Amino acid sequence: MIRFVMTGILLLLVTACTSLALLPTYDLVQKGIVLQLEQTQQELQQKVDLDFEKFDIKGVSITQQQLLTIGNLPAYHVEGTYHLIFKLPNQEISQLQKPFDIYLQIQREGKSWRLLLPEKNDNNPPSIWHSYIIL
């Protein structure tokens, strides 16, 4: 009986440690935000007719993480805020407490993460996702 209880406790500890290792880190979330911004940067440049040389992301604050499954793989819907600093040719523009809403998915082998962007449509939840590797 004691062996059974000890085995159960050991399994719980291993499962808890494994699931904690699969949580997205602040660094990963920051890289995901940067990748999402890079994907939309060209569209923004055309709309406001500005030449962005560079931008920085700082002060990432995660307010919510929700585990879900997309395409039979675990994913996280992560929300929060960050500080965005655009570097223009002659000035910097800061936007503080800018909200973010991203989807991050760990790959089957557990070695890499991907940013998932839903295709723009009226379906809720999205049926088509675009996937980008986060290095």
Protein backbone atom coordinates (compact mmCIF):
# COMPACT_ATOMS: atom_id res chain seq x y z
CA MET A 1 0.00 0.00 0.00
CA ILE A 2 2.83 2.42 0.88
CA ARG A 3 4.54 1.67 -2.42
CA PHE A 4 1.31 2.54 -4.24
CA VAL A 5 1.00 5.87 -2.40
CA MET A 6 4.68 6.71 -2.98
CA THR A 7 4.35 5.88 -6.68
CA GLY A 8 1.30 8.15 -6.91
CA ILE A 9 3.14 11.02 -5.22
CA LEU A 10 6.15 10.54 -7.50
CA LEU A 11 3.90 10.62 -10.58
CA LEU A 12 2.27 13.83 -9.38
CA LEU A 13 5.65 15.47 -8.84
CA VAL A 14 6.93 14.43 -12.27
CA THR A 15 3.72 15.63 -13.94
CA ALA A 16 3.84 18.98 -12.11
CA CYS A 17 7.48 19.54 -13.05
CA THR A 18 6.83 18.62 -16.68
CA SER A 19 3.87 20.97 -17.04
CA LEU A 20 5.82 23.82 -15.43
CA ALA A 21 8.62 23.36 -17.95
CA LEU A 22 6.14 23.83 -20.79
CA LEU A 23 4.89 27.24 -19.67
CA PRO A 24 5.90 30.17 -21.89
CA THR A 25 8.57 32.37 -20.28
CA TYR A 26 8.64 36.18 -20.30
CA ASP A 27 11.50 36.03 -22.83
CA LEU A 28 9.47 33.76 -25.12
CA VAL A 29 6.40 36.03 -24.83
CA GLN A 30 8.55 39.07 -25.64
CA LYS A 31 9.95 37.31 -28.73
CA GLY A 32 6.41 36.39 -29.75
CA ILE A 33 5.28 40.02 -29.45
CA VAL A 34 8.27 41.16 -31.54
CA LEU A 35 7.51 38.57 -34.22
CA GLN A 36 3.83 39.58 -34.28
CA LEU A 37 4.82 43.24 -34.66
CA GLU A 38 7.25 42.40 -37.47
CA GLN A 39 4.44 40.57 -39.28
CA THR A 40 2.21 43.67 -39.15
CA GLN A 41 4.94 46.34 -39.44
CA GLN A 42 4.79 46.67 -43.23
CA GLU A 43 1.03 47.20 -43.18
CA LEU A 44 1.40 49.86 -40.46
CA GLN A 45 4.19 51.63 -42.36
CA GLN A 46 1.99 51.91 -45.43
CA LYS A 47 -1.01 53.25 -43.48
CA VAL A 48 0.85 55.97 -41.55
CA ASP A 49 3.58 56.59 -44.15
CA LEU A 50 6.43 56.41 -41.65
CA ASP A 51 9.78 54.71 -42.04
CA PHE A 52 10.37 52.71 -38.86
CA GLU A 53 14.03 51.98 -38.39
CA LYS A 54 13.68 49.88 -35.28
CA PHE A 55 11.50 49.22 -32.28
CA ASP A 56 12.10 47.89 -28.78
CA ILE A 57 9.82 45.96 -26.46
CA LYS A 58 10.21 46.37 -22.71
CA GLY A 59 8.20 45.90 -19.54
CA VAL A 60 6.27 42.78 -20.57
CA SER A 61 3.58 42.00 -18.00
CA ILE A 62 1.54 38.80 -18.36
CA THR A 63 -1.97 39.10 -16.92
CA GLN A 64 -3.50 35.85 -18.20
CA GLN A 65 -2.38 32.50 -19.63
CA GLN A 66 -4.89 29.97 -20.86
CA LEU A 67 -3.89 26.45 -21.89
CA LEU A 68 -5.72 25.15 -24.96
CA THR A 69 -5.24 22.79 -27.90
CA ILE A 70 -4.76 23.97 -31.49
CA GLY A 71 -4.11 21.41 -34.21
CA ASN A 72 -3.74 18.58 -31.65
CA LEU A 73 -0.84 20.35 -29.91
CA PRO A 74 -0.83 22.28 -26.62
CA ALA A 75 -0.92 26.06 -26.98
CA TYR A 76 -1.23 29.08 -24.72
CA HIS A 77 -3.40 32.11 -25.21
CA VAL A 78 -1.34 34.80 -23.42
CA GLU A 79 -2.55 38.33 -22.65
CA GLY A 80 -0.93 41.29 -20.94
CA THR A 81 0.80 44.59 -21.61
CA TYR A 82 4.19 45.87 -22.78
CA HIS A 83 6.02 49.11 -23.52
CA LEU A 84 6.70 49.81 -27.20
CA ILE A 85 9.42 52.23 -28.32
CA PHE A 86 9.57 53.14 -32.03
CA LYS A 87 12.88 54.51 -33.24
CA LEU A 88 12.25 56.97 -36.04
CA PRO A 89 14.99 58.76 -38.02
CA ASN A 90 14.85 61.88 -35.80
CA GLN A 91 12.96 60.82 -32.68
CA GLU A 92 11.61 58.04 -30.49
CA ILE A 93 7.93 57.43 -29.82
CA SER A 94 6.94 55.51 -26.69
CA GLN A 95 3.66 53.76 -26.08
CA LEU A 96 3.29 52.49 -22.52
CA GLN A 97 1.01 49.74 -21.27
CA LYS A 98 0.16 48.58 -24.79
CA PRO A 99 -2.03 45.44 -24.63
CA PHE A 100 -1.03 42.21 -26.33
CA ASP A 101 -2.99 39.07 -27.11
CA ILE A 102 -0.91 36.25 -28.59
CA TYR A 103 -1.04 32.50 -29.09
CA LEU A 104 2.09 30.42 -28.48
CA GLN A 105 2.41 26.73 -29.23
CA ILE A 106 5.08 24.27 -28.15
CA GLN A 107 6.02 21.79 -30.83
CA ARG A 108 5.61 18.05 -30.47
CA GLU A 109 9.29 17.42 -29.65
CA GLY A 110 9.19 20.16 -26.99
CA LYS A 111 12.31 21.91 -28.32
CA SER A 112 10.76 24.90 -30.06
CA TRP A 113 7.81 27.27 -29.84
CA ARG A 114 5.74 28.90 -32.56
CA LEU A 115 3.68 32.07 -32.72
CA LEU A 116 0.19 31.36 -34.04
CA LEU A 117 -1.72 34.12 -35.80
CA PRO A 118 -5.37 33.51 -36.64
CA GLU A 119 -6.43 34.25 -40.18
CA LYS A 120 -8.66 37.31 -40.28
CA ASN A 121 -12.25 36.17 -40.67
CA ASP A 122 -15.54 36.24 -38.81
CA ASN A 123 -15.23 32.70 -37.43
CA ASN A 124 -14.96 32.41 -33.69
CA PRO A 125 -12.85 30.43 -32.86
CA PRO A 126 -10.56 30.82 -35.88
CA SER A 127 -10.37 27.83 -38.20
CA ILE A 128 -7.12 28.76 -39.98
CA TRP A 129 -3.89 29.61 -38.17
CA HIS A 130 -0.58 30.88 -39.56
CA SER A 131 2.45 29.57 -37.69
CA TYR A 132 5.86 31.26 -37.27
CA ILE A 133 8.87 29.75 -35.51
CA ILE A 134 10.22 31.68 -32.53
CA LEU A 135 14.00 31.31 -32.30
